[in-house]
Amino acid sequence: MKIVSVELRVKQGRAAEFAAGVEKMVRAIERVDGTLAFVVSQSVADPHDFRFFEIYRDEAAFQEHLRVSTTELPGREVLDALVEGPFRPTFGRHVAGGARLGVPGA
């Protein structure tokens, strides 16, 4: 299982535009085989801060997600242009939970 958390900050005044675009993007990404969870949250304290929480069946599913998200998502360049600074990914391992998401071994 591959677990990824990504933090990013959106340019000032562009949070609503980013959120709307991400909503469309997520629908396509969730259809990638092996994607067990793909959740995007927006900070209540600072609406320009977003977090992605992703769970993939395995490394191959994660690589397929990367391929699809960089080559097959219309408008991806527009969303990337709204981000201020780097994407900050963290990779983790499954410890507990996820039964409702269908996570193996949960």
PDB file of N, CA and C in Angstrom:
ATOM      1  N   MET A   1       0.839  -1.169   0.000  1.00  0.00           N
ATOM      2  CA  MET A   1       0.000   0.000   0.000  1.00  0.00           C
ATOM      3  C   MET A   1       0.887   1.236   0.000  1.00  0.00           C
ATOM      4  N   LYS A   2       0.450   2.268  -0.715  1.00  0.00           N
ATOM      5  CA  LYS A   2       1.197   3.522  -0.816  1.00  0.00           C
ATOM      6  C   LYS A   2       0.303   4.635  -0.301  1.00  0.00           C
ATOM      7  N   ILE A   3       0.767   5.364   0.707  1.00  0.00           N
ATOM      8  CA  ILE A   3       0.011   6.470   1.287  1.00  0.00           C
ATOM      9  C   ILE A   3       0.798   7.753   1.055  1.00  0.00           C
ATOM     10  N   VAL A   4       0.105   8.760   0.541  1.00  0.00           N
ATOM     11  CA  VAL A   4       0.744  10.028   0.215  1.00  0.00           C
ATOM     12  C   VAL A   4      -0.084  11.162   0.794  1.00  0.00           C
ATOM     13  N   SER A   5       0.595  12.110   1.391  1.00  0.00           N
ATOM     14  CA  SER A   5      -0.039  13.340   1.856  1.00  0.00           C
ATOM     15  C   SER A   5       0.711  14.492   1.195  1.00  0.00           C
ATOM     16  N   VAL A   6      -0.027  15.420   0.611  1.00  0.00           N
ATOM     17  CA  VAL A   6       0.611  16.554  -0.070  1.00  0.00           C
ATOM     18  C   VAL A   6       0.011  17.842   0.463  1.00  0.00           C
ATOM     19  N   GLU A   7       0.871  18.757   0.857  1.00  0.00           N
ATOM     20  CA  GLU A   7       0.442  20.090   1.280  1.00  0.00           C
ATOM     21  C   GLU A   7       0.858  21.076   0.205  1.00  0.00           C
ATOM     22  N   LEU A   8      -0.004  22.064  -0.029  1.00  0.00           N
ATOM     23  CA  LEU A   8       0.352  23.128  -0.964  1.00  0.00           C
ATOM     24  C   LEU A   8      -0.397  24.400  -0.606  1.00  0.00           C
ATOM     25  N   ARG A   9       0.097  25.487  -1.117  1.00  0.00           N
ATOM     26  CA  ARG A   9      -0.524  26.786  -0.894  1.00  0.00           C
ATOM     27  C   ARG A   9      -0.891  27.379  -2.246  1.00  0.00           C
ATOM     28  N   VAL A  10      -2.100  27.934  -2.310  1.00  0.00           N
ATOM     29  CA  VAL A  10      -2.606  28.539  -3.536  1.00  0.00           C
ATOM     30  C   VAL A  10      -2.392  30.048  -3.457  1.00  0.00           C
ATOM     31  N   LYS A  11      -2.159  30.654  -4.597  1.00  0.00           N
ATOM     32  CA  LYS A  11      -1.935  32.097  -4.668  1.00  0.00           C
ATOM     33  C   LYS A  11      -3.109  32.869  -4.078  1.00  0.00           C
ATOM     34  N   GLN A  12      -2.786  34.007  -3.496  1.00  0.00           N
ATOM     35  CA  GLN A  12      -3.777  34.866  -2.850  1.00  0.00           C
ATOM     36  C   GLN A  12      -4.945  35.170  -3.786  1.00  0.00           C
ATOM     37  N   GLY A  13      -6.158  34.999  -3.275  1.00  0.00           N
ATOM     38  CA  GLY A  13      -7.345  35.313  -4.042  1.00  0.00           C
ATOM     39  C   GLY A  13      -7.759  34.269  -5.059  1.00  0.00           C
ATOM     40  N   ARG A  14      -7.056  33.121  -5.121  1.00  0.00           N
ATOM     41  CA  ARG A  14      -7.342  32.104  -6.145  1.00  0.00           C
ATOM     42  C   ARG A  14      -7.864  30.793  -5.554  1.00  0.00           C
ATOM     43  N   ALA A  15      -8.153  30.777  -4.250  1.00  0.00           N
ATOM     44  CA  ALA A  15      -8.549  29.542  -3.571  1.00  0.00           C
ATOM     45  C   ALA A  15      -9.846  28.960  -4.137  1.00  0.00           C
ATOM     46  N   ALA A  16     -10.852  29.774  -4.380  1.00  0.00           N
ATOM     47  CA  ALA A  16     -12.130  29.273  -4.898  1.00  0.00           C
ATOM     48  C   ALA A  16     -11.945  28.663  -6.287  1.00  0.00           C
ATOM     49  N   GLU A  17     -11.141  29.299  -7.117  1.00  0.00           N
ATOM     50  CA  GLU A  17     -10.869  28.791  -8.464  1.00  0.00           C
ATOM     51  C   GLU A  17     -10.145  27.445  -8.388  1.00  0.00           C
ATOM     52  N   PHE A  18      -9.163  27.353  -7.477  1.00  0.00           N
ATOM     53  CA  PHE A  18      -8.422  26.105  -7.312  1.00  0.00           C
ATOM     54  C   PHE A  18      -9.348  24.992  -6.825  1.00  0.00           C
ATOM     55  N   ALA A  19     -10.162  25.284  -5.820  1.00  0.00           N
ATOM     56  CA  ALA A  19     -11.074  24.281  -5.263  1.00  0.00           C
ATOM     57  C   ALA A  19     -12.031  23.755  -6.331  1.00  0.00           C
ATOM     58  N   ALA A  20     -12.556  24.616  -7.162  1.00  0.00           N
ATOM     59  CA  ALA A  20     -13.478  24.196  -8.224  1.00  0.00           C
ATOM     60  C   ALA A  20     -12.769  23.301  -9.234  1.00  0.00           C
ATOM     61  N   GLY A  21     -11.551  23.646  -9.588  1.00  0.00           N
ATOM     62  CA  GLY A  21     -10.782  22.843 -10.541  1.00  0.00           C
ATOM     63  C   GLY A  21     -10.386  21.493  -9.976  1.00  0.00           C
ATOM     64  N   VAL A  22     -10.017  21.478  -8.708  1.00  0.00           N
ATOM     65  CA  VAL A  22      -9.621  20.228  -8.060  1.00  0.00           C
ATOM     66  C   VAL A  22     -10.809  19.278  -7.971  1.00  0.00           C
ATOM     67  N   GLU A  23     -11.984  19.808  -7.738  1.00  0.00           N
ATOM     68  CA  GLU A  23     -13.175  18.959  -7.655  1.00  0.00           C
ATOM     69  C   GLU A  23     -13.366  18.169  -8.948  1.00  0.00           C
ATOM     70  N   LYS A  24     -13.165  18.813 -10.081  1.00  0.00           N
ATOM     71  CA  LYS A  24     -13.277  18.126 -11.373  1.00  0.00           C
ATOM     72  C   LYS A  24     -12.148  17.109 -11.550  1.00  0.00           C
ATOM     73  N   MET A  25     -10.948  17.481 -11.151  1.00  0.00           N
ATOM     74  CA  MET A  25      -9.787  16.621 -11.294  1.00  0.00           C
ATOM     75  C   MET A  25      -9.944  15.337 -10.480  1.00  0.00           C
ATOM     76  N   VAL A  26     -10.457  15.465  -9.259  1.00  0.00           N
ATOM     77  CA  VAL A  26     -10.577  14.310  -8.373  1.00  0.00           C
ATOM     78  C   VAL A  26     -11.467  13.242  -8.978  1.00  0.00           C
ATOM     79  N   ARG A  27     -12.533  13.634  -9.628  1.00  0.00           N
ATOM     80  CA  ARG A  27     -13.432  12.646 -10.244  1.00  0.00           C
ATOM     81  C   ARG A  27     -12.682  11.749 -11.218  1.00  0.00           C
ATOM     82  N   ALA A  28     -11.782  12.326 -11.999  1.00  0.00           N
ATOM     83  CA  ALA A  28     -10.998  11.544 -12.968  1.00  0.00           C
ATOM     84  C   ALA A  28      -9.973  10.668 -12.254  1.00  0.00           C
ATOM     85  N   ILE A  29      -9.324  11.189 -11.252  1.00  0.00           N
ATOM     86  CA  ILE A  29      -8.280  10.446 -10.545  1.00  0.00           C
ATOM     87  C   ILE A  29      -8.866   9.272  -9.774  1.00  0.00           C
ATOM     88  N   GLU A  30     -10.045   9.444  -9.204  1.00  0.00           N
ATOM     89  CA  GLU A  30     -10.661   8.354  -8.444  1.00  0.00           C
ATOM     90  C   GLU A  30     -10.960   7.134  -9.316  1.00  0.00           C
ATOM     91  N   ARG A  31     -11.064   7.328 -10.614  1.00  0.00           N
ATOM     92  CA  ARG A  31     -11.330   6.214 -11.526  1.00  0.00           C
ATOM     93  C   ARG A  31     -10.074   5.410 -11.870  1.00  0.00           C
ATOM     94  N   VAL A  32      -8.901   5.890 -11.492  1.00  0.00           N
ATOM     95  CA  VAL A  32      -7.665   5.164 -11.775  1.00  0.00           C
ATOM     96  C   VAL A  32      -7.651   3.888 -10.936  1.00  0.00           C
ATOM     97  N   ASP A  33      -7.469   2.749 -11.599  1.00  0.00           N
ATOM     98  CA  ASP A  33      -7.452   1.461 -10.909  1.00  0.00           C
ATOM     99  C   ASP A  33      -6.395   1.470  -9.812  1.00  0.00           C
ATOM    100  N   GLY A  34      -6.792   1.048  -8.625  1.00  0.00           N
ATOM    101  CA  GLY A  34      -5.864   0.969  -7.499  1.00  0.00           C
ATOM    102  C   GLY A  34      -5.880   2.189  -6.609  1.00  0.00           C
ATOM    103  N   THR A  35      -6.685   3.196  -6.935  1.00  0.00           N
ATOM    104  CA  THR A  35      -6.839   4.355  -6.062  1.00  0.00           C
ATOM    105  C   THR A  35      -7.881   4.001  -5.019  1.00  0.00           C
ATOM    106  N   LEU A  36      -7.454   3.870  -3.769  1.00  0.00           N
ATOM    107  CA  LEU A  36      -8.365   3.500  -2.692  1.00  0.00           C
ATOM    108  C   LEU A  36      -8.992   4.729  -2.042  1.00  0.00           C
ATOM    109  N   ALA A  37      -8.251   5.838  -2.004  1.00  0.00           N
ATOM    110  CA  ALA A  37      -8.782   7.089  -1.448  1.00  0.00           C
ATOM    111  C   ALA A  37      -8.027   8.256  -2.060  1.00  0.00           C
ATOM    112  N   PHE A  38      -8.764   9.319  -2.337  1.00  0.00           N
ATOM    113  CA  PHE A  38      -8.156  10.557  -2.833  1.00  0.00           C
ATOM    114  C   PHE A  38      -9.029  11.695  -2.309  1.00  0.00           C
ATOM    115  N   VAL A  39      -8.574  12.316  -1.239  1.00  0.00           N
ATOM    116  CA  VAL A  39      -9.359  13.338  -0.541  1.00  0.00           C
ATOM    117  C   VAL A  39      -8.574  14.641  -0.531  1.00  0.00           C
ATOM    118  N   VAL A  40      -9.261  15.737  -0.832  1.00  0.00           N
ATOM    119  CA  VAL A  40      -8.635  17.051  -0.795  1.00  0.00           C
ATOM    120  C   VAL A  40      -9.360  17.878   0.262  1.00  0.00           C
ATOM    121  N   SER A  41      -8.598  18.519   1.140  1.00  0.00           N
ATOM    122  CA  SER A  41      -9.203  19.396   2.142  1.00  0.00           C
ATOM    123  C   SER A  41      -8.610  20.794   2.031  1.00  0.00           C
ATOM    124  N   GLN A  42      -9.400  21.743   2.490  1.00  0.00           N
ATOM    125  CA  GLN A  42      -9.012  23.150   2.480  1.00  0.00           C
ATOM    126  C   GLN A  42      -9.044  23.641   3.922  1.00  0.00           C
ATOM    127  N   SER A  43      -8.021  24.324   4.350  1.00  0.00           N
ATOM    128  CA  SER A  43      -7.935  24.814   5.713  1.00  0.00           C
ATOM    129  C   SER A  43      -9.049  25.822   6.006  1.00  0.00           C
ATOM    130  N   VAL A  44      -9.666  25.688   7.160  1.00  0.00           N
ATOM    131  CA  VAL A  44     -10.669  26.657   7.603  1.00  0.00           C
ATOM    132  C   VAL A  44      -9.962  27.933   8.058  1.00  0.00           C
ATOM    133  N   ALA A  45      -8.819  27.783   8.704  1.00  0.00           N
ATOM    134  CA  ALA A  45      -8.076  28.934   9.218  1.00  0.00           C
ATOM    135  C   ALA A  45      -7.458  29.773   8.104  1.00  0.00           C
ATOM    136  N   ASP A  46      -6.993  29.124   7.044  1.00  0.00           N
ATOM    137  CA  ASP A  46      -6.393  29.828   5.911  1.00  0.00           C
ATOM    138  C   ASP A  46      -6.817  29.119   4.626  1.00  0.00           C
ATOM    139  N   PRO A  47      -7.832  29.636   3.933  1.00  0.00           N
ATOM    140  CA  PRO A  47      -8.381  28.955   2.765  1.00  0.00           C
ATOM    141  C   PRO A  47      -7.411  28.805   1.590  1.00  0.00           C
ATOM    142  N   HIS A  48      -6.223  29.351   1.697  1.00  0.00           N
ATOM    143  CA  HIS A  48      -5.231  29.190   0.629  1.00  0.00           C
ATOM    144  C   HIS A  48      -4.359  27.954   0.845  1.00  0.00           C
ATOM    145  N   ASP A  49      -4.534  27.289   1.999  1.00  0.00           N
ATOM    146  CA  ASP A  49      -3.796  26.056   2.294  1.00  0.00           C
ATOM    147  C   ASP A  49      -4.669  24.843   1.994  1.00  0.00           C
ATOM    148  N   PHE A  50      -4.126  23.920   1.187  1.00  0.00           N
ATOM    149  CA  PHE A  50      -4.831  22.699   0.798  1.00  0.00           C
ATOM    150  C   PHE A  50      -3.978  21.494   1.158  1.00  0.00           C
ATOM    151  N   ARG A  51      -4.657  20.387   1.440  1.00  0.00           N
ATOM    152  CA  ARG A  51      -3.987  19.120   1.711  1.00  0.00           C
ATOM    153  C   ARG A  51      -4.660  18.014   0.905  1.00  0.00           C
ATOM    154  N   PHE A  52      -3.848  17.179   0.324  1.00  0.00           N
ATOM    155  CA  PHE A  52      -4.322  16.013  -0.409  1.00  0.00           C
ATOM    156  C   PHE A  52      -3.940  14.791   0.422  1.00  0.00           C
ATOM    157  N   PHE A  53      -4.872  13.851   0.574  1.00  0.00           N
ATOM    158  CA  PHE A  53      -4.590  12.598   1.254  1.00  0.00           C
ATOM    159  C   PHE A  53      -4.948  11.481   0.284  1.00  0.00           C
ATOM    160  N   GLU A  54      -3.966  10.655  -0.033  1.00  0.00           N
ATOM    161  CA  GLU A  54      -4.130   9.665  -1.090  1.00  0.00           C
ATOM    162  C   GLU A  54      -3.678   8.288  -0.609  1.00  0.00           C
ATOM    163  N   ILE A  55      -4.471   7.271  -0.957  1.00  0.00           N
ATOM    164  CA  ILE A  55      -4.088   5.893  -0.648  1.00  0.00           C
ATOM    165  C   ILE A  55      -4.200   5.082  -1.937  1.00  0.00           C
ATOM    166  N   TYR A  56      -3.112   4.379  -2.263  1.00  0.00           N
ATOM    167  CA  TYR A  56      -3.058   3.548  -3.459  1.00  0.00           C
ATOM    168  C   TYR A  56      -2.809   2.100  -3.061  1.00  0.00           C
ATOM    169  N   ARG A  57      -3.339   1.182  -3.830  1.00  0.00           N
ATOM    170  CA  ARG A  57      -3.196  -0.247  -3.550  1.00  0.00           C
ATOM    171  C   ARG A  57      -1.713  -0.635  -3.449  1.00  0.00           C
ATOM    172  N   ASP A  58      -0.897  -0.072  -4.358  1.00  0.00           N
ATOM    173  CA  ASP A  58       0.521  -0.427  -4.394  1.00  0.00           C
ATOM    174  C   ASP A  58       1.281   0.630  -5.194  1.00  0.00           C
ATOM    175  N   GLU A  59       2.557   0.427  -5.346  1.00  0.00           N
ATOM    176  CA  GLU A  59       3.406   1.372  -6.080  1.00  0.00           C
ATOM    177  C   GLU A  59       2.970   1.500  -7.535  1.00  0.00           C
ATOM    178  N   ALA A  60       2.549   0.396  -8.153  1.00  0.00           N
ATOM    179  CA  ALA A  60       2.111   0.445  -9.552  1.00  0.00           C
ATOM    180  C   ALA A  60       0.882   1.344  -9.705  1.00  0.00           C
ATOM    181  N   ALA A  61      -0.055   1.272  -8.771  1.00  0.00           N
ATOM    182  CA  ALA A  61      -1.241   2.131  -8.819  1.00  0.00           C
ATOM    183  C   ALA A  61      -0.851   3.596  -8.650  1.00  0.00           C
ATOM    184  N   PHE A  62       0.110   3.859  -7.774  1.00  0.00           N
ATOM    185  CA  PHE A  62       0.589   5.230  -7.587  1.00  0.00           C
ATOM    186  C   PHE A  62       1.244   5.749  -8.867  1.00  0.00           C
ATOM    187  N   GLN A  63       2.046   4.924  -9.517  1.00  0.00           N
ATOM    188  CA  GLN A  63       2.695   5.333 -10.762  1.00  0.00           C
ATOM    189  C   GLN A  63       1.657   5.605 -11.850  1.00  0.00           C
ATOM    190  N   GLU A  64       0.594   4.805 -11.889  1.00  0.00           N
ATOM    191  CA  GLU A  64      -0.481   5.045 -12.858  1.00  0.00           C
ATOM    192  C   GLU A  64      -1.182   6.367 -12.548  1.00  0.00           C
ATOM    193  N   HIS A  65      -1.383   6.657 -11.275  1.00  0.00           N
ATOM    194  CA  HIS A  65      -1.950   7.953 -10.881  1.00  0.00           C
ATOM    195  C   HIS A  65      -1.070   9.094 -11.395  1.00  0.00           C
ATOM    196  N   LEU A  66       0.237   8.967 -11.201  1.00  0.00           N
ATOM    197  CA  LEU A  66       1.151  10.021 -11.671  1.00  0.00           C
ATOM    198  C   LEU A  66       1.057  10.189 -13.185  1.00  0.00           C
ATOM    199  N   ARG A  67       0.998   9.078 -13.899  1.00  0.00           N
ATOM    200  CA  ARG A  67       0.907   9.141 -15.363  1.00  0.00           C
ATOM    201  C   ARG A  67      -0.382   9.844 -15.781  1.00  0.00           C
ATOM    202  N   VAL A  68      -1.491   9.422 -15.225  1.00  0.00           N
ATOM    203  CA  VAL A  68      -2.785  10.010 -15.589  1.00  0.00           C
ATOM    204  C   VAL A  68      -2.842  11.478 -15.199  1.00  0.00           C
ATOM    205  N   SER A  69      -2.372  11.795 -13.997  1.00  0.00           N
ATOM    206  CA  SER A  69      -2.490  13.175 -13.522  1.00  0.00           C
ATOM    207  C   SER A  69      -1.586  14.145 -14.270  1.00  0.00           C
ATOM    208  N   THR A  70      -0.540  13.639 -14.908  1.00  0.00           N
ATOM    209  CA  THR A  70       0.349  14.543 -15.650  1.00  0.00           C
ATOM    210  C   THR A  70       0.115  14.542 -17.148  1.00  0.00           C
ATOM    211  N   THR A  71      -0.619  13.543 -17.671  1.00  0.00           N
ATOM    212  CA  THR A  71      -0.798  13.487 -19.125  1.00  0.00           C
ATOM    213  C   THR A  71      -2.245  13.509 -19.597  1.00  0.00           C
ATOM    214  N   GLU A  72      -3.193  13.149 -18.731  1.00  0.00           N
ATOM    215  CA  GLU A  72      -4.568  12.980 -19.203  1.00  0.00           C
ATOM    216  C   GLU A  72      -5.595  13.882 -18.525  1.00  0.00           C
ATOM    217  N   LEU A  73      -5.162  14.801 -17.695  1.00  0.00           N
ATOM    218  CA  LEU A  73      -6.125  15.662 -17.007  1.00  0.00           C
ATOM    219  C   LEU A  73      -6.174  17.034 -17.663  1.00  0.00           C
ATOM    220  N   PRO A  74      -7.249  17.314 -18.381  1.00  0.00           N
ATOM    221  CA  PRO A  74      -7.357  18.634 -18.999  1.00  0.00           C
ATOM    222  C   PRO A  74      -7.432  19.704 -17.908  1.00  0.00           C
ATOM    223  N   GLY A  75      -6.709  20.768 -18.108  1.00  0.00           N
ATOM    224  CA  GLY A  75      -6.728  21.868 -17.149  1.00  0.00           C
ATOM    225  C   GLY A  75      -5.726  21.725 -16.019  1.00  0.00           C
ATOM    226  N   ARG A  76      -4.943  20.667 -16.017  1.00  0.00           N
ATOM    227  CA  ARG A  76      -3.956  20.476 -14.944  1.00  0.00           C
ATOM    228  C   ARG A  76      -2.958  21.629 -14.896  1.00  0.00           C
ATOM    229  N   GLU A  77      -2.548  22.106 -16.072  1.00  0.00           N
ATOM    230  CA  GLU A  77      -1.575  23.215 -16.113  1.00  0.00           C
ATOM    231  C   GLU A  77      -2.151  24.468 -15.462  1.00  0.00           C
ATOM    232  N   VAL A  78      -3.449  24.684 -15.657  1.00  0.00           N
ATOM    233  CA  VAL A  78      -4.111  25.852 -15.065  1.00  0.00           C
ATOM    234  C   VAL A  78      -4.075  25.753 -13.551  1.00  0.00           C
ATOM    235  N   LEU A  79      -4.385  24.570 -13.019  1.00  0.00           N
ATOM    236  CA  LEU A  79      -4.344  24.381 -11.567  1.00  0.00           C
ATOM    237  C   LEU A  79      -2.934  24.559 -11.025  1.00  0.00           C
ATOM    238  N   ASP A  80      -1.958  23.960 -11.701  1.00  0.00           N
ATOM    239  CA  ASP A  80      -0.570  24.088 -11.252  1.00  0.00           C
ATOM    240  C   ASP A  80      -0.138  25.551 -11.204  1.00  0.00           C
ATOM    241  N   ALA A  81      -0.622  26.355 -12.134  1.00  0.00           N
ATOM    242  CA  ALA A  81      -0.257  27.783 -12.177  1.00  0.00           C
ATOM    243  C   ALA A  81      -0.847  28.556 -10.998  1.00  0.00           C
ATOM    244  N   LEU A  82      -1.867  28.008 -10.341  1.00  0.00           N
ATOM    245  CA  LEU A  82      -2.482  28.670  -9.190  1.00  0.00           C
ATOM    246  C   LEU A  82      -1.738  28.387  -7.886  1.00  0.00           C
ATOM    247  N   VAL A  83      -0.824  27.424  -7.919  1.00  0.00           N
ATOM    248  CA  VAL A  83      -0.089  27.038  -6.716  1.00  0.00           C
ATOM    249  C   VAL A  83       1.079  27.981  -6.486  1.00  0.00           C
ATOM    250  N   GLU A  84       1.236  28.367  -5.224  1.00  0.00           N
ATOM    251  CA  GLU A  84       2.334  29.254  -4.825  1.00  0.00           C
ATOM    252  C   GLU A  84       3.371  28.412  -4.088  1.00  0.00           C
ATOM    253  N   GLY A  85       4.564  28.347  -4.618  1.00  0.00           N
ATOM    254  CA  GLY A  85       5.610  27.558  -3.975  1.00  0.00           C
ATOM    255  C   GLY A  85       5.519  26.090  -4.350  1.00  0.00           C
ATOM    256  N   PRO A  86       6.298  25.267  -3.653  1.00  0.00           N
ATOM    257  CA  PRO A  86       6.388  23.850  -4.017  1.00  0.00           C
ATOM    258  C   PRO A  86       5.234  23.016  -3.464  1.00  0.00           C
ATOM    259  N   PHE A  87       5.001  21.870  -4.104  1.00  0.00           N
ATOM    260  CA  PHE A  87       4.154  20.834  -3.533  1.00  0.00           C
ATOM    261  C   PHE A  87       5.009  20.166  -2.455  1.00  0.00           C
ATOM    262  N   ARG A  88       4.430  19.893  -1.299  1.00  0.00           N
ATOM    263  CA  ARG A  88       5.194  19.283  -0.209  1.00  0.00           C
ATOM    264  C   ARG A  88       4.630  17.886   0.101  1.00  0.00           C
ATOM    265  N   PRO A  89       5.149  16.852  -0.586  1.00  0.00           N
ATOM    266  CA  PRO A  89       4.632  15.496  -0.352  1.00  0.00           C
ATOM    267  C   PRO A  89       5.300  14.817   0.841  1.00  0.00           C
ATOM    268  N   THR A  90       4.536  13.950   1.496  1.00  0.00           N
ATOM    269  CA  THR A  90       5.031  13.075   2.546  1.00  0.00           C
ATOM    270  C   THR A  90       4.523  11.675   2.226  1.00  0.00           C
ATOM    271  N   PHE A  91       5.402  10.697   2.284  1.00  0.00           N
ATOM    272  CA  PHE A  91       5.032   9.312   2.011  1.00  0.00           C
ATOM    273  C   PHE A  91       4.976   8.553   3.330  1.00  0.00           C
ATOM    274  N   GLY A  92       3.934   7.742   3.476  1.00  0.00           N
ATOM    275  CA  GLY A  92       3.763   7.024   4.735  1.00  0.00           C
ATOM    276  C   GLY A  92       3.446   5.562   4.518  1.00  0.00           C
ATOM    277  N   ARG A  93       3.259   4.869   5.613  1.00  0.00           N
ATOM    278  CA  ARG A  93       2.868   3.468   5.571  1.00  0.00           C
ATOM    279  C   ARG A  93       1.602   3.305   6.393  1.00  0.00           C
ATOM    280  N   HIS A  94       0.822   2.301   6.056  1.00  0.00           N
ATOM    281  CA  HIS A  94      -0.439   2.041   6.739  1.00  0.00           C
ATOM    282  C   HIS A  94      -0.159   1.498   8.138  1.00  0.00           C
ATOM    283  N   VAL A  95      -0.821   2.077   9.127  1.00  0.00           N
ATOM    284  CA  VAL A  95      -0.698   1.605  10.499  1.00  0.00           C
ATOM    285  C   VAL A  95      -2.038   1.047  10.978  1.00  0.00           C
ATOM    286  N   ALA A  96      -3.122   1.805  10.741  1.00  0.00           N
ATOM    287  CA  ALA A  96      -4.443   1.366  11.199  1.00  0.00           C
ATOM    288  C   ALA A  96      -5.518   2.156  10.481  1.00  0.00           C
ATOM    289  N   GLY A  97      -6.716   1.586  10.462  1.00  0.00           N
ATOM    290  CA  GLY A  97      -7.882   2.294   9.929  1.00  0.00           C
ATOM    291  C   GLY A  97      -8.050   2.128   8.436  1.00  0.00           C
ATOM    292  N   GLY A  98      -9.179   2.643   7.957  1.00  0.00           N
ATOM    293  CA  GLY A  98      -9.465   2.626   6.533  1.00  0.00           C
ATOM    294  C   GLY A  98     -10.459   1.578   6.090  1.00  0.00           C
ATOM    295  N   ALA A  99     -11.092   0.873   7.030  1.00  0.00           N
ATOM    296  CA  ALA A  99     -12.030  -0.185   6.656  1.00  0.00           C
ATOM    297  C   ALA A  99     -13.168   0.355   5.778  1.00  0.00           C
ATOM    298  N   ARG A 100     -13.674   1.510   6.090  1.00  0.00           N
ATOM    299  CA  ARG A 100     -14.773   2.086   5.309  1.00  0.00           C
ATOM    300  C   ARG A 100     -14.325   2.515   3.924  1.00  0.00           C
ATOM    301  N   LEU A 101     -13.032   2.697   3.756  1.00  0.00           N
ATOM    302  CA  LEU A 101     -12.488   3.053   2.449  1.00  0.00           C
ATOM    303  C   LEU A 101     -12.127   1.810   1.639  1.00  0.00           C
ATOM    304  N   GLY A 102     -12.255   0.659   2.249  1.00  0.00           N
ATOM    305  CA  GLY A 102     -11.879  -0.580   1.558  1.00  0.00           C
ATOM    306  C   GLY A 102     -10.373  -0.820   1.562  1.00  0.00           C
ATOM    307  N   VAL A 103      -9.671  -0.253   2.533  1.00  0.00           N
ATOM    308  CA  VAL A 103      -8.218  -0.408   2.620  1.00  0.00           C
ATOM    309  C   VAL A 103      -7.898  -1.831   3.068  1.00  0.00           C
ATOM    310  N   PRO A 104      -7.093  -2.549   2.286  1.00  0.00           N
ATOM    311  CA  PRO A 104      -6.721  -3.919   2.679  1.00  0.00           C
ATOM    312  C   PRO A 104      -6.025  -3.930   4.035  1.00  0.00           C
ATOM    313  N   GLY A 105      -6.400  -4.881   4.860  1.00  0.00           N
ATOM    314  CA  GLY A 105      -5.768  -5.029   6.175  1.00  0.00           C
ATOM    315  C   GLY A 105      -6.262  -4.044   7.214  1.00  0.00           C
ATOM    316  N   ALA A 106      -7.296  -3.256   6.863  1.00  0.00           N
ATOM    317  CA  ALA A 106      -7.791  -2.259   7.826  1.00  0.00           C
ATOM    318  C   ALA A 106      -8.668  -2.916   8.868  1.00  0.00           C
TER     319      ALA A 106
END
